[in-house]
């Protein structure tokens, strides 16, 4: 009997890409902590976003015929939200741990339904409200009850929670504009606007410099290309080839990878209550992502 030739399922390939995105996204928190040891937050964000934007310039030239000035408004709105998200997240990681930053950032999943009330006039269901309660209980256990890290709830945690609101707003805005916008230009414009904002911030702070340790420059390069451009492009490619349910399950591992890389690269540890809090946060995320959708 002839065997059918092996065919690589598009779903399997997409799942692999989503898993890779989760690994890169989780590892980015520890990398940011390491990079901030060699430069200021303002200069770090400027270099990260500028390198990411510059890496897309050849593709922008190739796609120049598809450009339209109608894209500008969406690019400015989404770019400013991205810039705010990067600022608050990076400043927060100066004061809090990478593992905490990874889990608190994932609150954007919980917050998106509630921002939809204000921005899109869509009321979240009881499942989203229950999930938010579960996640905030996890946040308390993670940041207050767990004494192993020896780090009380601090301004860094607040800043990263603010960044979660901004990332949630970013997701809502992308969902609003993306159906009528070219995917590449949506990516390029938001990175461009965010890099301009970071350039102004770095210049005003007087921190703009390329005279950095080689290790810091390498970390910034990885964060710019792998953890900014590739994650965004991979997300768009994968979600066109697999179901939202499969994506949500795999993507919920990102903060777990954040905790793993924080332990491996930075030496951070968590206690029993910390891990219980993490489980509560992940449970809330999965309730929102895998629950019934309108």
Protein backbone atom coordinates (compact mmCIF):
# COMPACT_ATOMS: atom_id res chain seq x y z
CA UNK A 1 0.00 0.00 0.00
CA UNK A 2 1.33 3.41 -0.96
CA UNK A 3 1.65 5.80 1.90
CA UNK A 4 0.42 9.32 1.50
CA UNK A 5 3.26 11.83 1.42
CA UNK A 6 3.70 13.76 4.65
CA UNK A 7 2.22 17.24 4.48
CA UNK A 8 3.04 19.91 7.02
CA UNK A 9 -0.25 21.29 8.34
CA UNK A 10 -0.64 25.08 8.09
CA UNK A 11 -2.22 24.96 11.55
CA UNK A 12 0.85 23.20 12.94
CA UNK A 13 3.17 25.73 11.33
CA UNK A 14 1.11 28.63 12.67
CA UNK A 15 1.06 27.09 16.16
CA UNK A 16 4.85 26.84 16.01
CA UNK A 17 5.12 30.52 15.05
CA UNK A 18 2.80 31.55 17.90
CA UNK A 19 4.89 29.49 20.33
CA UNK A 20 8.05 31.19 19.03
CA UNK A 21 6.37 34.58 19.50
CA UNK A 22 5.52 33.61 23.09
CA UNK A 23 9.14 32.64 23.74
CA UNK A 24 10.47 35.89 22.22
CA UNK A 25 7.90 38.00 24.02
CA UNK A 26 8.61 36.32 27.34
CA UNK A 27 12.36 36.63 26.91
CA UNK A 28 12.08 40.33 26.06
CA UNK A 29 11.37 41.30 29.68
CA UNK A 30 14.64 39.82 30.95
CA UNK A 31 16.50 41.31 27.97
CA UNK A 32 15.11 44.76 28.76
CA UNK A 33 16.28 44.42 32.38
CA UNK A 34 19.76 43.50 31.15
CA UNK A 35 19.87 46.30 28.55
CA UNK A 36 18.83 48.91 31.13
CA UNK A 37 21.98 48.10 33.08
CA UNK A 38 23.99 49.71 30.24
CA UNK A 39 21.84 52.68 29.20
CA UNK A 40 18.99 54.95 30.26
CA UNK A 41 15.31 54.12 29.59
CA UNK A 42 14.98 57.08 27.17
CA UNK A 43 18.01 56.10 25.09
CA UNK A 44 17.03 52.42 25.18
CA UNK A 45 13.54 53.06 23.78
CA UNK A 46 14.93 55.45 21.15
CA UNK A 47 17.44 52.88 19.89
CA UNK A 48 15.01 49.95 20.03
CA UNK A 49 12.26 51.68 18.06
CA UNK A 50 14.61 53.44 15.64
CA UNK A 51 16.40 50.21 14.71
CA UNK A 52 13.04 48.47 14.25
CA UNK A 53 11.79 51.25 11.96
CA UNK A 54 15.01 51.45 9.94
CA UNK A 55 14.93 47.68 9.37
CA UNK A 56 11.58 48.15 7.57
CA UNK A 57 12.70 50.99 5.27
CA UNK A 58 13.69 48.69 2.33
CA UNK A 59 10.23 47.09 2.42
CA UNK A 60 8.58 50.50 2.61
CA UNK A 61 10.43 51.48 -0.58
CA UNK A 62 9.30 48.30 -2.35
CA UNK A 63 5.68 48.92 -1.29
CA UNK A 64 5.70 52.66 -1.97
CA UNK A 65 3.01 52.39 -4.67
CA UNK A 66 0.49 51.12 -2.11
CA UNK A 67 1.00 54.16 0.15
CA UNK A 68 -1.96 56.42 0.88
CA UNK A 69 -2.24 59.52 3.06
CA UNK A 70 -5.44 57.99 4.45
CA UNK A 71 -3.20 55.76 6.57
CA UNK A 72 -1.74 58.70 8.51
CA UNK A 73 -4.49 59.21 11.08
CA UNK A 74 -4.53 55.54 12.08
CA UNK A 75 -0.72 55.46 12.20
CA UNK A 76 -0.55 58.46 14.53
CA UNK A 77 -3.20 57.11 16.94
CA UNK A 78 -1.75 53.59 17.09
CA UNK A 79 1.84 54.87 17.17
CA UNK A 80 1.19 57.14 20.15
CA UNK A 81 -0.42 54.27 22.05
CA UNK A 82 2.58 52.08 21.23
CA UNK A 83 4.98 54.82 22.36
CA UNK A 84 3.12 55.23 25.65
CA UNK A 85 3.09 51.47 26.16
CA UNK A 86 6.85 51.20 25.64
CA UNK A 87 7.62 54.18 27.91
CA UNK A 88 5.59 52.97 30.89
CA UNK A 89 6.66 49.34 30.46
CA UNK A 90 10.37 50.19 30.23
CA UNK A 91 10.30 52.66 33.14
CA UNK A 92 8.38 50.09 35.17
CA UNK A 93 11.07 47.47 34.62
CA UNK A 94 13.60 49.83 36.20
CA UNK A 95 11.81 49.38 39.54
CA UNK A 96 10.22 45.92 39.39
CA UNK A 97 11.26 42.42 38.37
CA UNK A 98 11.14 40.98 34.85
CA UNK A 99 8.90 38.10 35.92
CA UNK A 100 6.42 40.53 37.49
CA UNK A 101 6.54 42.74 34.41
CA UNK A 102 5.67 39.80 32.17
CA UNK A 103 2.61 38.77 34.15
CA UNK A 104 1.29 42.29 34.81
CA UNK A 105 1.65 43.24 31.13
CA UNK A 106 -0.67 40.38 30.16
CA UNK A 107 -3.47 42.26 31.92
CA UNK A 108 -4.10 43.91 28.54
CA UNK A 109 -6.07 40.76 27.66
CA UNK A 110 -8.39 41.38 30.63
CA UNK A 111 -8.63 45.12 29.97
CA UNK A 112 -9.55 45.03 26.27
CA UNK A 113 -13.24 44.16 26.89
CA UNK A 114 -13.56 47.04 29.38
CA UNK A 115 -11.91 49.58 27.07
CA UNK A 116 -14.41 48.47 24.45
CA UNK A 117 -17.14 49.98 26.66
CA UNK A 118 -15.58 53.44 26.34
CA UNK A 119 -14.20 53.28 22.81
CA UNK A 120 -16.59 50.98 20.96
CA UNK A 121 -19.71 51.10 23.19
CA UNK A 122 -19.63 47.32 23.63
CA UNK A 123 -20.59 45.95 27.06
CA UNK A 124 -18.43 43.03 28.30
CA UNK A 125 -20.19 39.91 29.50
CA UNK A 126 -20.13 38.33 32.95
CA UNK A 127 -17.25 36.10 31.90
CA UNK A 128 -14.95 39.05 31.25
CA UNK A 129 -15.91 40.62 34.60
CA UNK A 130 -15.26 37.33 36.43
CA UNK A 131 -11.94 36.95 34.64
CA UNK A 132 -10.83 40.43 35.70
CA UNK A 133 -11.63 39.63 39.34
CA UNK A 134 -9.62 36.41 39.13
CA UNK A 135 -6.68 38.19 37.52
CA UNK A 136 -6.61 41.03 40.06
CA UNK A 137 -6.69 38.47 42.89
CA UNK A 138 -3.69 36.86 41.22
CA UNK A 139 -1.98 40.25 41.02
CA UNK A 140 -2.40 40.69 44.79
CA UNK A 141 -0.94 37.24 45.53
CA UNK A 142 1.88 37.77 43.05
CA UNK A 143 2.97 41.20 44.29
CA UNK A 144 1.97 41.25 47.99
CA UNK A 145 1.53 37.76 49.45
CA UNK A 146 4.70 36.33 47.84
CA UNK A 147 7.67 37.28 50.02
CA UNK A 148 10.39 35.31 48.20
CA UNK A 149 11.28 38.12 45.78
CA UNK A 150 11.43 40.56 48.70
CA UNK A 151 9.89 43.23 46.48
CA UNK A 152 6.71 44.94 47.69
CA UNK A 153 4.12 46.40 45.33
CA UNK A 154 5.87 49.49 43.98
CA UNK A 155 5.81 52.29 41.41
CA UNK A 156 7.23 49.94 38.77
CA UNK A 157 4.24 47.62 39.10
CA UNK A 158 1.90 50.63 38.76
CA UNK A 159 3.72 51.83 35.63
CA UNK A 160 3.51 48.40 34.02
CA UNK A 161 -0.18 48.20 34.89
CA UNK A 162 -0.58 51.57 33.12
CA UNK A 163 1.29 50.10 30.15
CA UNK A 164 -1.20 47.21 30.12
CA UNK A 165 -4.02 49.78 29.73
CA UNK A 166 -2.13 51.42 26.86
CA UNK A 167 -1.46 48.08 25.15
CA UNK A 168 -5.14 47.22 25.53
CA UNK A 169 -6.00 50.55 23.87
CA UNK A 170 -3.47 49.73 21.16
CA UNK A 171 -5.20 46.40 20.46
CA UNK A 172 -8.64 48.02 20.31
CA UNK A 173 -7.31 50.70 17.94
CA UNK A 174 -5.61 48.15 15.69
CA UNK A 175 -8.82 46.13 15.58
CA UNK A 176 -10.71 49.28 14.60
CA UNK A 177 -8.36 50.48 11.84
CA UNK A 178 -6.80 47.28 10.45
CA UNK A 179 -9.77 46.08 8.33
CA UNK A 180 -9.36 49.09 6.01
CA UNK A 181 -5.58 49.49 6.16
CA UNK A 182 -2.63 47.75 4.56
CA UNK A 183 -0.99 45.52 7.19
CA UNK A 184 2.57 46.59 6.39
CA UNK A 185 1.83 50.31 6.50
CA UNK A 186 -0.02 49.85 9.79
CA UNK A 187 3.12 48.25 11.24
CA UNK A 188 5.54 50.75 9.67
CA UNK A 189 3.61 53.89 10.63
CA UNK A 190 3.08 52.93 14.26
CA UNK A 191 6.76 52.09 14.65
CA UNK A 192 7.72 55.32 12.87
CA UNK A 193 5.52 57.51 15.07
CA UNK A 194 6.70 55.73 18.21
CA UNK A 195 10.36 56.12 17.19
CA UNK A 196 9.88 59.86 16.55
CA UNK A 197 8.35 60.24 20.01
CA UNK A 198 11.21 58.30 21.58
CA UNK A 199 13.75 60.45 19.69
CA UNK A 200 12.21 63.64 21.11
CA UNK A 201 12.10 62.18 24.61
CA UNK A 202 15.72 61.02 24.46
CA UNK A 203 16.89 64.38 23.06
CA UNK A 204 15.04 66.36 25.75
CA UNK A 205 16.45 64.09 28.45
CA UNK A 206 19.96 64.53 27.02
CA UNK A 207 20.48 60.76 27.01
CA UNK A 208 20.89 60.09 23.27
CA UNK A 209 24.10 58.14 22.67
CA UNK A 210 25.50 55.15 20.78
CA UNK A 211 28.52 54.88 23.07
CA UNK A 212 27.27 51.77 24.85
CA UNK A 213 28.74 48.42 25.89
CA UNK A 214 28.74 45.82 23.11
CA UNK A 215 26.45 43.55 25.14
CA UNK A 216 23.87 46.33 25.53
CA UNK A 217 23.93 47.11 21.80
CA UNK A 218 23.44 43.41 21.04
CA UNK A 219 20.48 43.20 23.42
CA UNK A 220 18.88 46.27 21.85
CA UNK A 221 19.37 44.81 18.35
CA UNK A 222 17.69 41.54 19.35
CA UNK A 223 14.82 43.41 21.01
CA UNK A 224 14.34 45.69 17.99
CA UNK A 225 14.34 43.03 15.28
CA UNK A 226 13.21 39.81 16.97
CA UNK A 227 11.03 41.14 19.78
CA UNK A 228 9.43 44.06 17.94
CA UNK A 229 9.31 43.53 14.16
CA UNK A 230 9.25 39.72 13.95
CA UNK A 231 6.70 39.33 16.74
CA UNK A 232 4.27 41.71 15.02
CA UNK A 233 4.72 40.17 11.58
CA UNK A 234 4.55 36.64 13.00
CA UNK A 235 1.32 37.46 14.79
CA UNK A 236 -0.33 38.67 11.58
CA UNK A 237 0.90 35.65 9.59
CA UNK A 238 -0.05 33.04 12.20
CA UNK A 239 -3.51 34.35 13.04
CA UNK A 240 -4.48 34.07 9.40
CA UNK A 241 -3.71 30.32 9.50
CA UNK A 242 -4.97 29.08 12.85
CA UNK A 243 -7.94 29.57 15.13
CA UNK A 244 -8.16 32.25 17.84
CA UNK A 245 -8.67 29.49 20.42
CA UNK A 246 -5.41 27.71 19.55
CA UNK A 247 -3.61 31.07 19.44
CA UNK A 248 -4.95 32.11 22.86
CA UNK A 249 -3.92 28.84 24.54
CA UNK A 250 -0.37 28.99 23.17
CA UNK A 251 0.03 32.74 23.71
CA UNK A 252 -0.96 32.46 27.36
CA UNK A 253 2.45 30.83 27.93
CA UNK A 254 4.26 34.14 27.30
CA UNK A 255 4.37 35.26 30.96
CA UNK A 256 5.53 31.77 31.94
CA UNK A 257 8.47 32.19 29.56
CA UNK A 258 9.00 35.66 31.07
CA UNK A 259 9.36 34.07 34.53
CA UNK A 260 11.64 31.34 33.15
CA UNK A 261 14.04 33.73 31.40
CA UNK A 262 13.97 36.07 34.41
CA UNK A 263 15.16 33.13 36.52
CA UNK A 264 17.73 31.92 33.97
CA UNK A 265 19.26 35.26 32.90
CA UNK A 266 18.59 37.58 35.84
CA UNK A 267 18.38 35.13 38.74
CA UNK A 268 14.85 36.07 39.87
CA UNK A 269 12.83 33.63 41.99
CA UNK A 270 9.20 33.32 43.03
CA UNK A 271 7.57 31.61 46.02
CA UNK A 272 4.47 29.43 46.25
CA UNK A 273 2.07 32.38 46.54
CA UNK A 274 3.74 33.99 43.54
CA UNK A 275 3.10 30.93 41.40
CA UNK A 276 -0.49 30.68 42.69
CA UNK A 277 -1.01 34.31 41.71
CA UNK A 278 0.46 33.58 38.27
CA UNK A 279 -2.02 30.71 37.87
CA UNK A 280 -4.90 33.04 38.76
CA UNK A 281 -3.74 35.61 36.19
CA UNK A 282 -3.40 32.94 33.48
CA UNK A 283 -6.82 31.59 34.41
CA UNK A 284 -8.36 35.02 33.96
CA UNK A 285 -6.63 35.44 30.59
CA UNK A 286 -7.88 32.09 29.33
CA UNK A 287 -11.43 32.84 30.50
CA UNK A 288 -11.45 36.00 28.39
CA UNK A 289 -9.73 34.50 25.36
CA UNK A 290 -11.52 31.15 25.24
CA UNK A 291 -14.96 32.23 26.37
CA UNK A 292 -17.91 32.68 23.98
CA UNK A 293 -17.46 35.57 21.56
CA UNK A 294 -20.20 37.79 20.17
